[in-house]
Amino acid sequence: MNTLKGRERKLVVISLGAGVQSSTMALMAGDGTLPKVDCAIFADTGYEPKSVYLYLDYLKDVLPFPVHVVNNGNIKQDLKSYINHNQRMPTAPFFTKNADTGKKGMLRRQCTNDYKIVPIRKKIRELCGVGYKKHFPKDQYVEQWIGISTDEIMRMKPARDKYILNRHPLIEAKLSRQDCIKWLKEKKVLMPPKSACVFCPYHSDSFWINMKEKNPQEFNEAIEVDKFIRKGNDKLTDELYLHRSCVPLDQVEFKKQDKSKEVDMFNNACEGLCGV
């Protein structure tokens, strides 16, 4: 828990995912609907959809504050290195199935920490002039805005670092994701895409269907990832899959249903840095 009494706020930063909620939050800060911020930070996993990178370029052009792009490697290339050379796995929430018993499960999710939290934290420290392995001044703190809306309130979580205060301006303003979309339309702002890695296991069936129909190249790339993670390496005995059915992605019969009734797997990403 952050204790801020008597501490100086050193920086106000938006954790930018270039999806609907975080983009709305940034644009609101840019036009005065929300208070001013010092900057936004986009943590690039190296394998976001092309639409996300295009929207990020758009935000860089229209926002009145700097947008810093940081990274901690390329998640797809790191996965290939893991599979081919038994290096440390960038753990994503892949679905698992035991080849003998058929028992299904899910891997621990570490990718948000490795590819989002760590590089953002490093950039925050750099912007505050705090060197590597140096202690952050006890009389200062950083305010970090997270793009969670009222329909995802269960994702609210304190920052892991005591010098960072997580704030959720959309929730404070009682705005849902649909409210964000309405605001963007009223402002006649270019609509943001869904922000998540191309092969994220949290994708809904409607997302996979949309990718398959409108972005076949990215869908084929996801199929490639699904295939090369299947056997893991010699440290894993279960088969790995991108889809919760534990069926190869190119064989999945995706279910078309009302999007409002779909379970949002991104609610499991409690830090609120993915899918926003």
C-alpha atoms as a PDB file:
ATOM      1  CA  MET A   1       0.000   0.000   0.000  1.00  0.00           C
ATOM      2  CA  ASN A   2       1.331   3.434  -0.965  1.00  0.00           C
ATOM      3  CA  THR A   3       1.775   5.968   1.838  1.00  0.00           C
ATOM      4  CA  LEU A   4       2.082   9.342   0.128  1.00  0.00           C
ATOM      5  CA  LYS A   5       1.714  11.855   2.943  1.00  0.00           C
ATOM      6  CA  GLY A   6       4.508  14.401   2.767  1.00  0.00           C
ATOM      7  CA  ARG A   7       5.897  13.044  -0.518  1.00  0.00           C
ATOM      8  CA  GLU A   8       6.411  15.047  -3.706  1.00  0.00           C
ATOM      9  CA  ARG A   9       4.749  13.852  -6.902  1.00  0.00           C
ATOM     10  CA  LYS A  10       7.644  13.625  -9.345  1.00  0.00           C
ATOM     11  CA  LEU A  11       5.852  12.482 -12.484  1.00  0.00           C
ATOM     12  CA  VAL A  12       2.380  11.725 -13.882  1.00  0.00           C
ATOM     13  CA  VAL A  13       2.526   9.063 -16.576  1.00  0.00           C
ATOM     14  CA  ILE A  14      -0.066   7.165 -18.612  1.00  0.00           C
ATOM     15  CA  SER A  15       0.515   3.467 -19.179  1.00  0.00           C
ATOM     16  CA  LEU A  16      -0.545   3.382 -22.824  1.00  0.00           C
ATOM     17  CA  GLY A  17      -1.699   0.209 -24.549  1.00  0.00           C
ATOM     18  CA  ALA A  18      -3.137   2.002 -27.634  1.00  0.00           C
ATOM     19  CA  GLY A  19      -6.453   0.202 -27.162  1.00  0.00           C
ATOM     20  CA  VAL A  20      -9.841   1.791 -26.455  1.00  0.00           C
ATOM     21  CA  GLN A  21      -9.551   2.611 -22.752  1.00  0.00           C
ATOM     22  CA  SER A  22      -5.953   3.790 -22.444  1.00  0.00           C
ATOM     23  CA  SER A  23      -6.204   5.766 -25.698  1.00  0.00           C
ATOM     24  CA  THR A  24      -9.393   7.470 -24.518  1.00  0.00           C
ATOM     25  CA  MET A  25      -7.695   8.320 -21.241  1.00  0.00           C
ATOM     26  CA  ALA A  26      -4.692   9.792 -23.079  1.00  0.00           C
ATOM     27  CA  LEU A  27      -6.873  11.798 -25.474  1.00  0.00           C
ATOM     28  CA  MET A  28      -8.955  13.100 -22.550  1.00  0.00           C
ATOM     29  CA  ALA A  29      -5.772  14.244 -20.827  1.00  0.00           C
ATOM     30  CA  GLY A  30      -4.723  15.837 -24.074  1.00  0.00           C
ATOM     31  CA  ASP A  31      -7.866  17.934 -24.567  1.00  0.00           C
ATOM     32  CA  GLY A  32      -8.349  18.952 -20.932  1.00  0.00           C
ATOM     33  CA  THR A  33     -11.204  16.580 -20.083  1.00  0.00           C
ATOM     34  CA  LEU A  34      -8.828  14.982 -17.582  1.00  0.00           C
ATOM     35  CA  PRO A  35      -5.904  16.668 -15.761  1.00  0.00           C
ATOM     36  CA  LYS A  36      -2.572  17.141 -17.491  1.00  0.00           C
ATOM     37  CA  VAL A  37       0.031  14.406 -17.548  1.00  0.00           C
ATOM     38  CA  ASP A  38       3.754  14.547 -18.220  1.00  0.00           C
ATOM     39  CA  CYS A  39       3.924  11.717 -20.740  1.00  0.00           C
ATOM     40  CA  ALA A  40       2.659   8.311 -21.838  1.00  0.00           C
ATOM     41  CA  ILE A  41       4.671   5.101 -22.040  1.00  0.00           C
ATOM     42  CA  PHE A  42       3.886   2.336 -24.524  1.00  0.00           C
ATOM     43  CA  ALA A  43       5.513  -1.015 -23.740  1.00  0.00           C
ATOM     44  CA  ASP A  44       6.031  -2.828 -27.034  1.00  0.00           C
ATOM     45  CA  THR A  45       6.017  -6.641 -26.799  1.00  0.00           C
ATOM     46  CA  GLY A  46       7.415  -6.743 -30.333  1.00  0.00           C
ATOM     47  CA  TYR A  47       4.369  -8.573 -31.642  1.00  0.00           C
ATOM     48  CA  GLU A  48       1.334  -6.318 -31.449  1.00  0.00           C
ATOM     49  CA  PRO A  49      -1.100  -6.251 -34.381  1.00  0.00           C
ATOM     50  CA  LYS A  50      -0.207  -3.859 -37.180  1.00  0.00           C
ATOM     51  CA  SER A  51      -3.346  -1.850 -36.345  1.00  0.00           C
ATOM     52  CA  VAL A  52      -1.981  -1.123 -32.855  1.00  0.00           C
ATOM     53  CA  TYR A  53       1.306   0.238 -34.220  1.00  0.00           C
ATOM     54  CA  LEU A  54      -0.590   2.409 -36.705  1.00  0.00           C
ATOM     55  CA  TYR A  55      -2.796   3.782 -33.936  1.00  0.00           C
ATOM     56  CA  LEU A  56       0.243   4.415 -31.770  1.00  0.00           C
ATOM     57  CA  ASP A  57       1.694   6.551 -34.579  1.00  0.00           C
ATOM     58  CA  TYR A  58      -1.605   8.441 -34.721  1.00  0.00           C
ATOM     59  CA  LEU A  59      -1.505   9.130 -30.976  1.00  0.00           C
ATOM     60  CA  LYS A  60       2.075  10.382 -31.209  1.00  0.00           C
ATOM     61  CA  ASP A  61       0.882  12.949 -33.756  1.00  0.00           C
ATOM     62  CA  VAL A  62      -2.189  14.236 -31.878  1.00  0.00           C
ATOM     63  CA  LEU A  63      -1.224  14.100 -28.200  1.00  0.00           C
ATOM     64  CA  PRO A  64       0.342  17.276 -26.723  1.00  0.00           C
ATOM     65  CA  PHE A  65       2.739  15.316 -24.509  1.00  0.00           C
ATOM     66  CA  PRO A  66       5.520  12.850 -25.387  1.00  0.00           C
ATOM     67  CA  VAL A  67       4.810   9.162 -25.967  1.00  0.00           C
ATOM     68  CA  HIS A  68       7.792   6.995 -25.042  1.00  0.00           C
ATOM     69  CA  VAL A  69       8.068   3.525 -26.617  1.00  0.00           C
ATOM     70  CA  VAL A  70       9.964   0.948 -24.576  1.00  0.00           C
ATOM     71  CA  ASN A  71      10.571  -2.781 -24.875  1.00  0.00           C
ATOM     72  CA  ASN A  72      12.156  -5.726 -23.148  1.00  0.00           C
ATOM     73  CA  GLY A  73      12.660  -7.983 -26.151  1.00  0.00           C
ATOM     74  CA  ASN A  74      10.429  -9.529 -28.814  1.00  0.00           C
ATOM     75  CA  ILE A  75       8.054 -12.067 -27.325  1.00  0.00           C
ATOM     76  CA  LYS A  76       7.740 -14.157 -30.504  1.00  0.00           C
ATOM     77  CA  GLN A  77      11.496 -14.376 -31.044  1.00  0.00           C
ATOM     78  CA  ASP A  78      12.013 -15.130 -27.354  1.00  0.00           C
ATOM     79  CA  LEU A  79       9.474 -17.964 -27.596  1.00  0.00           C
ATOM     80  CA  LYS A  80      11.327 -19.444 -30.555  1.00  0.00           C
ATOM     81  CA  SER A  81      14.614 -19.253 -28.654  1.00  0.00           C
ATOM     82  CA  TYR A  82      12.962 -21.044 -25.747  1.00  0.00           C
ATOM     83  CA  ILE A  83      11.569 -23.829 -27.917  1.00  0.00           C
ATOM     84  CA  ASN A  84      14.702 -24.286 -30.025  1.00  0.00           C
ATOM     85  CA  HIS A  85      17.408 -23.758 -27.442  1.00  0.00           C
ATOM     86  CA  ASN A  86      15.808 -24.498 -24.059  1.00  0.00           C
ATOM     87  CA  GLN A  87      16.266 -20.903 -22.945  1.00  0.00           C
ATOM     88  CA  ARG A  88      14.066 -19.287 -20.282  1.00  0.00           C
ATOM     89  CA  MET A  89      10.465 -19.248 -21.445  1.00  0.00           C
ATOM     90  CA  PRO A  90       8.586 -15.931 -21.669  1.00  0.00           C
ATOM     91  CA  THR A  91       5.622 -17.480 -19.893  1.00  0.00           C
ATOM     92  CA  ALA A  92       2.291 -16.597 -21.463  1.00  0.00           C
ATOM     93  CA  PRO A  93      -1.058 -18.048 -20.319  1.00  0.00           C
ATOM     94  CA  PHE A  94      -0.985 -20.871 -22.857  1.00  0.00           C
ATOM     95  CA  PHE A  95      -3.577 -23.602 -22.456  1.00  0.00           C
ATOM     96  CA  THR A  96      -2.179 -27.039 -21.635  1.00  0.00           C
ATOM     97  CA  LYS A  97      -3.336 -30.595 -22.274  1.00  0.00           C
ATOM     98  CA  ASN A  98      -1.741 -33.766 -21.001  1.00  0.00           C
ATOM     99  CA  ALA A  99      -1.259 -36.107 -23.964  1.00  0.00           C
ATOM    100  CA  ASP A 100      -1.914 -39.202 -21.810  1.00  0.00           C
ATOM    101  CA  THR A 101      -4.783 -38.149 -19.544  1.00  0.00           C
ATOM    102  CA  GLY A 102      -6.303 -35.330 -21.575  1.00  0.00           C
ATOM    103  CA  LYS A 103      -6.321 -33.127 -18.461  1.00  0.00           C
ATOM    104  CA  LYS A 104      -6.390 -29.437 -19.347  1.00  0.00           C
ATOM    105  CA  GLY A 105      -4.845 -26.493 -17.564  1.00  0.00           C
ATOM    106  CA  MET A 106      -3.169 -23.150 -18.103  1.00  0.00           C
ATOM    107  CA  LEU A 107       0.378 -21.864 -17.687  1.00  0.00           C
ATOM    108  CA  ARG A 108       1.284 -19.088 -15.286  1.00  0.00           C
ATOM    109  CA  ARG A 109       1.168 -15.629 -16.867  1.00  0.00           C
ATOM    110  CA  GLN A 110       4.497 -13.822 -16.624  1.00  0.00           C
ATOM    111  CA  CYS A 111       4.492 -12.027 -19.984  1.00  0.00           C
ATOM    112  CA  THR A 112       2.758  -8.896 -18.652  1.00  0.00           C
ATOM    113  CA  ASN A 113       5.469  -8.454 -16.050  1.00  0.00           C
ATOM    114  CA  ASP A 114       8.358  -9.166 -18.417  1.00  0.00           C
ATOM    115  CA  TYR A 115       7.183  -7.197 -21.443  1.00  0.00           C
ATOM    116  CA  LYS A 116       5.008  -4.461 -19.894  1.00  0.00           C
ATOM    117  CA  ILE A 117       5.693  -3.772 -16.206  1.00  0.00           C
ATOM    118  CA  VAL A 118       9.494  -4.152 -16.238  1.00  0.00           C
ATOM    119  CA  PRO A 119      10.238  -1.843 -19.217  1.00  0.00           C
ATOM    120  CA  ILE A 120       7.696   0.756 -18.054  1.00  0.00           C
ATOM    121  CA  ARG A 121       9.236   0.788 -14.582  1.00  0.00           C
ATOM    122  CA  LYS A 122      12.706   1.157 -16.102  1.00  0.00           C
ATOM    123  CA  LYS A 123      11.558   4.146 -18.177  1.00  0.00           C
ATOM    124  CA  ILE A 124       9.863   5.776 -15.182  1.00  0.00           C
ATOM    125  CA  ARG A 125      13.077   5.540 -13.188  1.00  0.00           C
ATOM    126  CA  GLU A 126      15.048   6.938 -16.123  1.00  0.00           C
ATOM    127  CA  LEU A 127      12.665   9.902 -16.467  1.00  0.00           C
ATOM    128  CA  CYS A 128      13.024  10.576 -12.749  1.00  0.00           C
ATOM    129  CA  GLY A 129      16.815  10.411 -12.936  1.00  0.00           C
ATOM    130  CA  VAL A 130      17.093   7.320 -10.747  1.00  0.00           C
ATOM    131  CA  GLY A 131      19.954   5.113 -11.937  1.00  0.00           C
ATOM    132  CA  TYR A 132      20.164   1.333 -12.141  1.00  0.00           C
ATOM    133  CA  LYS A 133      19.948  -0.326  -8.715  1.00  0.00           C
ATOM    134  CA  LYS A 134      19.629   3.092  -7.063  1.00  0.00           C
ATOM    135  CA  HIS A 135      16.916   3.611  -4.448  1.00  0.00           C
ATOM    136  CA  PHE A 136      14.018   5.806  -5.477  1.00  0.00           C
ATOM    137  CA  PRO A 137      13.916   8.892  -3.194  1.00  0.00           C
ATOM    138  CA  LYS A 138      11.655   8.178  -0.224  1.00  0.00           C
ATOM    139  CA  ASP A 139      10.188  11.682  -0.334  1.00  0.00           C
ATOM    140  CA  GLN A 140       8.987  11.341  -3.952  1.00  0.00           C
ATOM    141  CA  TYR A 141       6.495   9.214  -5.898  1.00  0.00           C
ATOM    142  CA  VAL A 142       5.171   8.710  -9.423  1.00  0.00           C
ATOM    143  CA  GLU A 143       1.501   8.691 -10.390  1.00  0.00           C
ATOM    144  CA  GLN A 144       0.763   6.056 -13.039  1.00  0.00           C
ATOM    145  CA  TRP A 145      -2.570   6.092 -14.856  1.00  0.00           C
ATOM    146  CA  ILE A 146      -4.002   2.687 -15.796  1.00  0.00           C
ATOM    147  CA  GLY A 147      -6.704   2.375 -18.466  1.00  0.00           C
ATOM    148  CA  ILE A 148      -9.246   0.250 -16.639  1.00  0.00           C
ATOM    149  CA  SER A 149     -12.926   1.151 -17.014  1.00  0.00           C
ATOM    150  CA  THR A 150     -15.874   0.495 -14.688  1.00  0.00           C
ATOM    151  CA  ASP A 151     -16.743  -2.818 -16.364  1.00  0.00           C
ATOM    152  CA  GLU A 152     -13.267  -4.106 -15.468  1.00  0.00           C
ATOM    153  CA  ILE A 153     -13.081  -2.827 -11.899  1.00  0.00           C
ATOM    154  CA  MET A 154     -11.912  -6.250 -10.721  1.00  0.00           C
ATOM    155  CA  ARG A 155      -8.606  -5.576 -12.482  1.00  0.00           C
ATOM    156  CA  MET A 156      -7.685  -2.703 -10.153  1.00  0.00           C
ATOM    157  CA  LYS A 157      -4.502  -3.425  -8.286  1.00  0.00           C
ATOM    158  CA  PRO A 158      -1.861  -1.400  -6.400  1.00  0.00           C
ATOM    159  CA  ALA A 159       1.509  -0.950  -8.065  1.00  0.00           C
ATOM    160  CA  ARG A 160       4.207  -3.426  -7.093  1.00  0.00           C
ATOM    161  CA  ASP A 161       6.652  -0.619  -6.361  1.00  0.00           C
ATOM    162  CA  LYS A 162       6.077   1.583  -3.319  1.00  0.00           C
ATOM    163  CA  TYR A 163       7.144   4.710  -5.190  1.00  0.00           C
ATOM    164  CA  ILE A 164       4.383   4.249  -7.816  1.00  0.00           C
ATOM    165  CA  LEU A 165       0.758   5.166  -7.171  1.00  0.00           C
ATOM    166  CA  ASN A 166      -1.644   3.515  -9.600  1.00  0.00           C
ATOM    167  CA  ARG A 167      -4.644   5.657 -10.489  1.00  0.00           C
ATOM    168  CA  HIS A 168      -7.664   4.720 -12.588  1.00  0.00           C
ATOM    169  CA  PRO A 169      -9.135   7.958 -13.991  1.00  0.00           C
ATOM    170  CA  LEU A 170     -11.801   6.194 -16.077  1.00  0.00           C
ATOM    171  CA  ILE A 171     -13.197   4.493 -12.993  1.00  0.00           C
ATOM    172  CA  GLU A 172     -12.954   7.732 -11.022  1.00  0.00           C
ATOM    173  CA  ALA A 173     -15.012   9.374 -13.795  1.00  0.00           C
ATOM    174  CA  LYS A 174     -17.447   6.410 -13.780  1.00  0.00           C
ATOM    175  CA  LEU A 175     -16.741   5.581 -17.436  1.00  0.00           C
ATOM    176  CA  SER A 176     -17.255   2.140 -18.983  1.00  0.00           C
ATOM    177  CA  ARG A 177     -15.658   0.871 -22.180  1.00  0.00           C
ATOM    178  CA  GLN A 178     -18.847   1.780 -24.061  1.00  0.00           C
ATOM    179  CA  ASP A 179     -18.690   5.273 -22.550  1.00  0.00           C
ATOM    180  CA  CYS A 180     -15.155   5.567 -23.937  1.00  0.00           C
ATOM    181  CA  ILE A 181     -16.337   4.509 -27.390  1.00  0.00           C
ATOM    182  CA  LYS A 182     -19.197   7.016 -27.193  1.00  0.00           C
ATOM    183  CA  TRP A 183     -16.775   9.811 -26.229  1.00  0.00           C
ATOM    184  CA  LEU A 184     -14.431   8.940 -29.097  1.00  0.00           C
ATOM    185  CA  LYS A 185     -17.317   9.010 -31.561  1.00  0.00           C
ATOM    186  CA  GLU A 186     -18.594  12.341 -30.243  1.00  0.00           C
ATOM    187  CA  LYS A 187     -15.106  13.797 -30.618  1.00  0.00           C
ATOM    188  CA  LYS A 188     -14.870  12.235 -34.094  1.00  0.00           C
ATOM    189  CA  VAL A 189     -11.615  10.601 -33.118  1.00  0.00           C
ATOM    190  CA  LEU A 190     -10.151   7.641 -34.980  1.00  0.00           C
ATOM    191  CA  MET A 191     -11.343   4.481 -33.188  1.00  0.00           C
ATOM    192  CA  PRO A 192      -8.582   2.440 -31.481  1.00  0.00           C
ATOM    193  CA  PRO A 193      -8.095  -1.297 -32.119  1.00  0.00           C
ATOM    194  CA  LYS A 194      -7.952  -4.036 -29.501  1.00  0.00           C
ATOM    195  CA  SER A 195      -4.542  -3.954 -27.865  1.00  0.00           C
ATOM    196  CA  ALA A 196      -2.971  -7.376 -27.299  1.00  0.00           C
ATOM    197  CA  CYS A 197      -0.286  -9.578 -28.827  1.00  0.00           C
ATOM    198  CA  VAL A 198      -1.235 -11.225 -32.119  1.00  0.00           C
ATOM    199  CA  PHE A 199      -1.169 -14.675 -30.528  1.00  0.00           C
ATOM    200  CA  CYS A 200      -2.503 -13.827 -27.048  1.00  0.00           C
ATOM    201  CA  PRO A 201      -4.387 -16.810 -25.565  1.00  0.00           C
ATOM    202  CA  TYR A 202      -6.874 -14.383 -23.984  1.00  0.00           C
ATOM    203  CA  HIS A 203      -8.437 -13.576 -27.377  1.00  0.00           C
ATOM    204  CA  SER A 204     -12.158 -14.285 -27.584  1.00  0.00           C
ATOM    205  CA  ASP A 205     -13.646 -16.354 -30.406  1.00  0.00           C
ATOM    206  CA  SER A 206     -15.065 -13.192 -31.973  1.00  0.00           C
ATOM    207  CA  PHE A 207     -11.564 -11.690 -31.989  1.00  0.00           C
ATOM    208  CA  TRP A 208     -10.110 -14.800 -33.641  1.00  0.00           C
ATOM    209  CA  ILE A 209     -12.909 -14.778 -36.227  1.00  0.00           C
ATOM    210  CA  ASN A 210     -12.280 -11.131 -37.010  1.00  0.00           C
ATOM    211  CA  MET A 211      -8.533 -11.753 -37.348  1.00  0.00           C
ATOM    212  CA  LYS A 212      -9.095 -14.787 -39.574  1.00  0.00           C
ATOM    213  CA  GLU A 213     -11.457 -12.891 -41.887  1.00  0.00           C
ATOM    214  CA  LYS A 214      -9.863  -9.432 -41.955  1.00  0.00           C
ATOM    215  CA  ASN A 215      -6.199 -10.049 -41.132  1.00  0.00           C
ATOM    216  CA  PRO A 216      -5.387 -13.500 -42.566  1.00  0.00           C
ATOM    217  CA  GLN A 217      -1.642 -12.812 -42.509  1.00  0.00           C
ATOM    218  CA  GLU A 218      -1.684 -12.199 -38.745  1.00  0.00           C
ATOM    219  CA  PHE A 219      -3.973 -15.197 -38.245  1.00  0.00           C
ATOM    220  CA  ASN A 220      -1.518 -17.402 -40.146  1.00  0.00           C
ATOM    221  CA  GLU A 221       1.301 -16.038 -37.976  1.00  0.00           C
ATOM    222  CA  ALA A 222      -0.709 -16.992 -34.877  1.00  0.00           C
ATOM    223  CA  ILE A 223      -1.167 -20.490 -36.343  1.00  0.00           C
ATOM    224  CA  GLU A 224       2.618 -20.684 -36.762  1.00  0.00           C
ATOM    225  CA  VAL A 225       3.125 -19.797 -33.085  1.00  0.00           C
ATOM    226  CA  ASP A 226       0.434 -22.278 -32.031  1.00  0.00           C
ATOM    227  CA  LYS A 227       2.266 -25.042 -33.864  1.00  0.00           C
ATOM    228  CA  PHE A 228       5.778 -24.366 -32.631  1.00  0.00           C
ATOM    229  CA  ILE A 229       4.745 -24.110 -28.956  1.00  0.00           C
ATOM    230  CA  ARG A 230       2.858 -27.426 -29.082  1.00  0.00           C
ATOM    231  CA  LYS A 231       5.520 -29.660 -27.590  1.00  0.00           C
ATOM    232  CA  GLY A 232       7.166 -26.991 -25.463  1.00  0.00           C
ATOM    233  CA  ASN A 233      10.670 -28.229 -24.725  1.00  0.00           C
ATOM    234  CA  ASP A 234      12.178 -31.016 -22.621  1.00  0.00           C
ATOM    235  CA  LYS A 235      11.083 -29.277 -19.416  1.00  0.00           C
ATOM    236  CA  LEU A 236       7.365 -29.566 -20.234  1.00  0.00           C
ATOM    237  CA  THR A 237       5.364 -32.765 -20.652  1.00  0.00           C
ATOM    238  CA  ASP A 238       2.021 -31.164 -21.588  1.00  0.00           C
ATOM    239  CA  GLU A 239       1.051 -29.940 -25.037  1.00  0.00           C
ATOM    240  CA  LEU A 240       0.556 -26.161 -25.369  1.00  0.00           C
ATOM    241  CA  TYR A 241      -2.226 -24.397 -27.274  1.00  0.00           C
ATOM    242  CA  LEU A 242      -3.367 -20.836 -27.977  1.00  0.00           C
ATOM    243  CA  HIS A 243      -7.089 -21.676 -27.837  1.00  0.00           C
ATOM    244  CA  ARG A 244      -8.894 -22.770 -24.675  1.00  0.00           C
ATOM    245  CA  SER A 245     -10.343 -25.802 -26.486  1.00  0.00           C
ATOM    246  CA  CYS A 246      -6.826 -27.246 -26.734  1.00  0.00           C
ATOM    247  CA  VAL A 247      -7.404 -27.826 -30.437  1.00  0.00           C
ATOM    248  CA  PRO A 248      -4.868 -26.623 -33.043  1.00  0.00           C
ATOM    249  CA  LEU A 249      -5.766 -23.055 -33.985  1.00  0.00           C
ATOM    250  CA  ASP A 250      -6.227 -23.860 -37.677  1.00  0.00           C
ATOM    251  CA  GLN A 251      -8.772 -26.539 -36.725  1.00  0.00           C
ATOM    252  CA  VAL A 252     -10.812 -24.640 -34.125  1.00  0.00           C
ATOM    253  CA  GLU A 253     -14.507 -24.126 -34.912  1.00  0.00           C
ATOM    254  CA  PHE A 254     -14.877 -20.644 -33.448  1.00  0.00           C
ATOM    255  CA  LYS A 255     -18.258 -19.863 -31.917  1.00  0.00           C
ATOM    256  CA  LYS A 256     -20.114 -16.818 -33.160  1.00  0.00           C
ATOM    257  CA  GLN A 257     -22.039 -15.234 -30.305  1.00  0.00           C
ATOM    258  CA  ASP A 258     -23.145 -11.956 -28.817  1.00  0.00           C
ATOM    259  CA  LYS A 259     -19.940 -10.161 -27.787  1.00  0.00           C
ATOM    260  CA  SER A 260     -21.652  -8.883 -24.642  1.00  0.00           C
ATOM    261  CA  LYS A 261     -22.061 -12.487 -23.466  1.00  0.00           C
ATOM    262  CA  GLU A 262     -18.476 -13.535 -24.062  1.00  0.00           C
ATOM    263  CA  VAL A 263     -16.201 -14.087 -21.084  1.00  0.00           C
ATOM    264  CA  ASP A 264     -13.438 -11.487 -21.193  1.00  0.00           C
ATOM    265  CA  MET A 265     -10.238 -13.416 -20.476  1.00  0.00           C
ATOM    266  CA  PHE A 266      -8.356 -10.119 -20.138  1.00  0.00           C
ATOM    267  CA  ASN A 267      -9.991  -9.730 -16.732  1.00  0.00           C
ATOM    268  CA  ASN A 268      -7.394 -12.291 -15.660  1.00  0.00           C
ATOM    269  CA  ALA A 269      -4.696  -9.759 -16.562  1.00  0.00           C
ATOM    270  CA  CYS A 270      -5.264  -7.943 -13.315  1.00  0.00           C
ATOM    271  CA  GLU A 271      -2.552  -5.306 -13.750  1.00  0.00           C
ATOM    272  CA  GLY A 272      -4.684  -3.667 -16.429  1.00  0.00           C
ATOM    273  CA  LEU A 273      -1.803  -3.256 -18.877  1.00  0.00           C
ATOM    274  CA  CYS A 274      -3.046  -5.633 -21.594  1.00  0.00           C
ATOM    275  CA  GLY A 275      -6.173  -5.398 -23.705  1.00  0.00           C
ATOM    276  CA  VAL A 276      -6.638  -1.663 -23.007  1.00  0.00           C
END
